């Protein structure tokens, strides 16, 4: 990396930090739209700094969305199984009965003596 490129990268980092700081200030003071704009500007500079193309970002976002969709589908299936389990429990006649097994031999009257 040339000295000029190193200086430019350093300056970009400084700008990104400043944008994120101002973005937080705007968010804290009730300017969500302006805050989002600064966040987008910081992301754009980060992409340039790390030489990430638009196509790479889109591919990354697609992969994240696909993974999120898979997780949502899995959670939906688990929720469905939970509902089936809950339904099955409501059908059992002795819901509030706890069956306990003991490893001890029951005591008889003659054992006490």
C-alpha atoms as a PDB file:
ATOM      1  CA  UNK A   1       0.000   0.000   0.000  1.00  0.00           C
ATOM      2  CA  UNK A   2       1.351   3.390  -0.910  1.00  0.00           C
ATOM      3  CA  UNK A   3       1.780   6.161   1.601  1.00  0.00           C
ATOM      4  CA  UNK A   4      -1.015   8.165  -0.024  1.00  0.00           C
ATOM      5  CA  UNK A   5      -3.394   5.199   0.123  1.00  0.00           C
ATOM      6  CA  UNK A   6      -2.509   4.668   3.796  1.00  0.00           C
ATOM      7  CA  UNK A   7      -3.255   8.317   4.583  1.00  0.00           C
ATOM      8  CA  UNK A   8      -6.560   8.098   2.689  1.00  0.00           C
ATOM      9  CA  UNK A   9      -7.538   4.929   4.585  1.00  0.00           C
ATOM     10  CA  UNK A  10      -6.710   6.641   7.863  1.00  0.00           C
ATOM     11  CA  UNK A  11      -8.825   9.657   6.918  1.00  0.00           C
ATOM     12  CA  UNK A  12     -11.716   7.406   5.873  1.00  0.00           C
ATOM     13  CA  UNK A  13     -11.564   5.680   9.258  1.00  0.00           C
ATOM     14  CA  UNK A  14     -11.697   9.043  10.995  1.00  0.00           C
ATOM     15  CA  UNK A  15     -14.706  10.094   8.909  1.00  0.00           C
ATOM     16  CA  UNK A  16     -16.501   6.821   9.646  1.00  0.00           C
ATOM     17  CA  UNK A  17     -15.987   7.290  13.390  1.00  0.00           C
ATOM     18  CA  UNK A  18     -17.200  10.892  13.177  1.00  0.00           C
ATOM     19  CA  UNK A  19     -20.277   9.909  11.140  1.00  0.00           C
ATOM     20  CA  UNK A  20     -21.173   7.191  13.638  1.00  0.00           C
ATOM     21  CA  UNK A  21     -20.793   9.631  16.524  1.00  0.00           C
ATOM     22  CA  UNK A  22     -23.034  12.204  14.829  1.00  0.00           C
ATOM     23  CA  UNK A  23     -25.450   9.457  13.838  1.00  0.00           C
ATOM     24  CA  UNK A  24     -25.823   8.549  17.520  1.00  0.00           C
ATOM     25  CA  UNK A  25     -26.324  12.196  18.501  1.00  0.00           C
ATOM     26  CA  UNK A  26     -29.087  12.568  15.913  1.00  0.00           C
ATOM     27  CA  UNK A  27     -30.724   9.349  17.076  1.00  0.00           C
ATOM     28  CA  UNK A  28     -30.563  10.435  20.726  1.00  0.00           C
ATOM     29  CA  UNK A  29     -32.192  13.786  19.877  1.00  0.00           C
ATOM     30  CA  UNK A  30     -35.107  12.351  17.901  1.00  0.00           C
ATOM     31  CA  UNK A  31     -33.927  12.655  14.290  1.00  0.00           C
ATOM     32  CA  UNK A  32     -34.193   9.027  13.139  1.00  0.00           C
ATOM     33  CA  UNK A  33     -34.296   9.756   9.391  1.00  0.00           C
ATOM     34  CA  UNK A  34     -31.175  11.933   9.479  1.00  0.00           C
ATOM     35  CA  UNK A  35     -29.530   9.354  11.713  1.00  0.00           C
ATOM     36  CA  UNK A  36     -30.223   6.638   9.118  1.00  0.00           C
ATOM     37  CA  UNK A  37     -28.741   8.801   6.362  1.00  0.00           C
ATOM     38  CA  UNK A  38     -25.484   9.193   8.294  1.00  0.00           C
ATOM     39  CA  UNK A  39     -25.490   5.466   8.958  1.00  0.00           C
ATOM     40  CA  UNK A  40     -25.795   4.813   5.206  1.00  0.00           C
ATOM     41  CA  UNK A  41     -22.954   7.263   4.522  1.00  0.00           C
ATOM     42  CA  UNK A  42     -20.753   5.480   7.085  1.00  0.00           C
ATOM     43  CA  UNK A  43     -21.577   2.109   5.510  1.00  0.00           C
ATOM     44  CA  UNK A  44     -20.686   3.463   2.062  1.00  0.00           C
ATOM     45  CA  UNK A  45     -17.310   4.668   3.337  1.00  0.00           C
ATOM     46  CA  UNK A  46     -16.666   1.347   5.088  1.00  0.00           C
ATOM     47  CA  UNK A  47     -17.387  -0.500   1.863  1.00  0.00           C
ATOM     48  CA  UNK A  48     -14.939   1.722  -0.005  1.00  0.00           C
ATOM     49  CA  UNK A  49     -12.319   1.400   2.706  1.00  0.00           C
ATOM     50  CA  UNK A  50     -12.507  -2.405   2.672  1.00  0.00           C
ATOM     51  CA  UNK A  51     -13.007  -2.538  -1.101  1.00  0.00           C
ATOM     52  CA  UNK A  52     -16.360  -4.318  -0.897  1.00  0.00           C
ATOM     53  CA  UNK A  53     -18.359  -4.104  -4.116  1.00  0.00           C
ATOM     54  CA  UNK A  54     -22.106  -3.549  -4.329  1.00  0.00           C
ATOM     55  CA  UNK A  55     -22.452  -7.082  -5.712  1.00  0.00           C
ATOM     56  CA  UNK A  56     -20.601  -8.534  -2.710  1.00  0.00           C
ATOM     57  CA  UNK A  57     -22.826  -6.590  -0.307  1.00  0.00           C
ATOM     58  CA  UNK A  58     -25.975  -7.772  -2.109  1.00  0.00           C
ATOM     59  CA  UNK A  59     -24.759 -11.387  -2.020  1.00  0.00           C
ATOM     60  CA  UNK A  60     -24.007 -11.044   1.700  1.00  0.00           C
ATOM     61  CA  UNK A  61     -27.445  -9.552   2.415  1.00  0.00           C
ATOM     62  CA  UNK A  62     -29.144 -12.309   0.394  1.00  0.00           C
ATOM     63  CA  UNK A  63     -27.271 -14.975   2.365  1.00  0.00           C
ATOM     64  CA  UNK A  64     -28.326 -13.342   5.651  1.00  0.00           C
ATOM     65  CA  UNK A  65     -31.962 -13.131   4.535  1.00  0.00           C
ATOM     66  CA  UNK A  66     -31.924 -16.751   3.411  1.00  0.00           C
ATOM     67  CA  UNK A  67     -30.463 -17.858   6.747  1.00  0.00           C
ATOM     68  CA  UNK A  68     -33.003 -15.770   8.658  1.00  0.00           C
ATOM     69  CA  UNK A  69     -35.784 -17.366   6.632  1.00  0.00           C
ATOM     70  CA  UNK A  70     -34.476 -20.844   7.482  1.00  0.00           C
ATOM     71  CA  UNK A  71     -34.334 -19.966  11.179  1.00  0.00           C
ATOM     72  CA  UNK A  72     -37.876 -18.550  11.045  1.00  0.00           C
ATOM     73  CA  UNK A  73     -39.136 -21.719   9.348  1.00  0.00           C
ATOM     74  CA  UNK A  74     -37.412 -23.875  11.980  1.00  0.00           C
ATOM     75  CA  UNK A  75     -38.881 -21.785  14.797  1.00  0.00           C
ATOM     76  CA  UNK A  76     -42.302 -22.070  13.189  1.00  0.00           C
ATOM     77  CA  UNK A  77     -41.981 -25.870  13.070  1.00  0.00           C
ATOM     78  CA  UNK A  78     -40.848 -25.953  16.711  1.00  0.00           C
ATOM     79  CA  UNK A  79     -43.769 -23.746  17.690  1.00  0.00           C
ATOM     80  CA  UNK A  80     -46.109 -26.103  15.871  1.00  0.00           C
ATOM     81  CA  UNK A  81     -44.618 -29.081  17.715  1.00  0.00           C
ATOM     82  CA  UNK A  82     -45.023 -27.195  20.982  1.00  0.00           C
ATOM     83  CA  UNK A  83     -48.678 -26.592  20.180  1.00  0.00           C
ATOM     84  CA  UNK A  84     -49.178 -30.300  19.431  1.00  0.00           C
ATOM     85  CA  UNK A  85     -47.526 -31.168  22.765  1.00  0.00           C
ATOM     86  CA  UNK A  86     -49.706 -28.644  24.562  1.00  0.00           C
ATOM     87  CA  UNK A  87     -52.816 -30.082  22.887  1.00  0.00           C
ATOM     88  CA  UNK A  88     -51.789 -33.609  23.888  1.00  0.00           C
ATOM     89  CA  UNK A  89     -51.303 -32.519  27.489  1.00  0.00           C
ATOM     90  CA  UNK A  90     -54.769 -31.029  27.608  1.00  0.00           C
ATOM     91  CA  UNK A  91     -56.205 -34.401  26.584  1.00  0.00           C
ATOM     92  CA  UNK A  92     -54.652 -36.340  29.460  1.00  0.00           C
ATOM     93  CA  UNK A  93     -57.147 -37.102  32.227  1.00  0.00           C
ATOM     94  CA  UNK A  94     -54.762 -36.725  35.160  1.00  0.00           C
ATOM     95  CA  UNK A  95     -53.009 -33.464  34.444  1.00  0.00           C
ATOM     96  CA  UNK A  96     -52.232 -32.585  38.014  1.00  0.00           C
ATOM     97  CA  UNK A  97     -51.132 -36.029  39.192  1.00  0.00           C
ATOM     98  CA  UNK A  98     -47.444 -36.657  39.730  1.00  0.00           C
ATOM     99  CA  UNK A  99     -46.352 -40.266  39.701  1.00  0.00           C
ATOM    100  CA  UNK A 100     -43.301 -40.916  41.819  1.00  0.00           C
ATOM    101  CA  UNK A 101     -41.329 -44.111  41.917  1.00  0.00           C
ATOM    102  CA  UNK A 102     -39.272 -45.028  44.910  1.00  0.00           C
ATOM    103  CA  UNK A 103     -36.255 -47.281  45.025  1.00  0.00           C
ATOM    104  CA  UNK A 104     -36.914 -47.986  48.702  1.00  0.00           C
ATOM    105  CA  UNK A 105     -38.843 -51.021  49.743  1.00  0.00           C
ATOM    106  CA  UNK A 106     -42.152 -50.126  51.403  1.00  0.00           C
ATOM    107  CA  UNK A 107     -42.139 -50.604  55.181  1.00  0.00           C
ATOM    108  CA  UNK A 108     -44.541 -53.040  56.678  1.00  0.00           C
ATOM    109  CA  UNK A 109     -45.807 -53.118  60.254  1.00  0.00           C
ATOM    110  CA  UNK A 110     -43.570 -56.013  61.163  1.00  0.00           C
ATOM    111  CA  UNK A 111     -40.405 -54.128  59.936  1.00  0.00           C
ATOM    112  CA  UNK A 112     -40.841 -51.460  62.610  1.00  0.00           C
ATOM    113  CA  UNK A 113     -40.335 -53.718  65.582  1.00  0.00           C
END
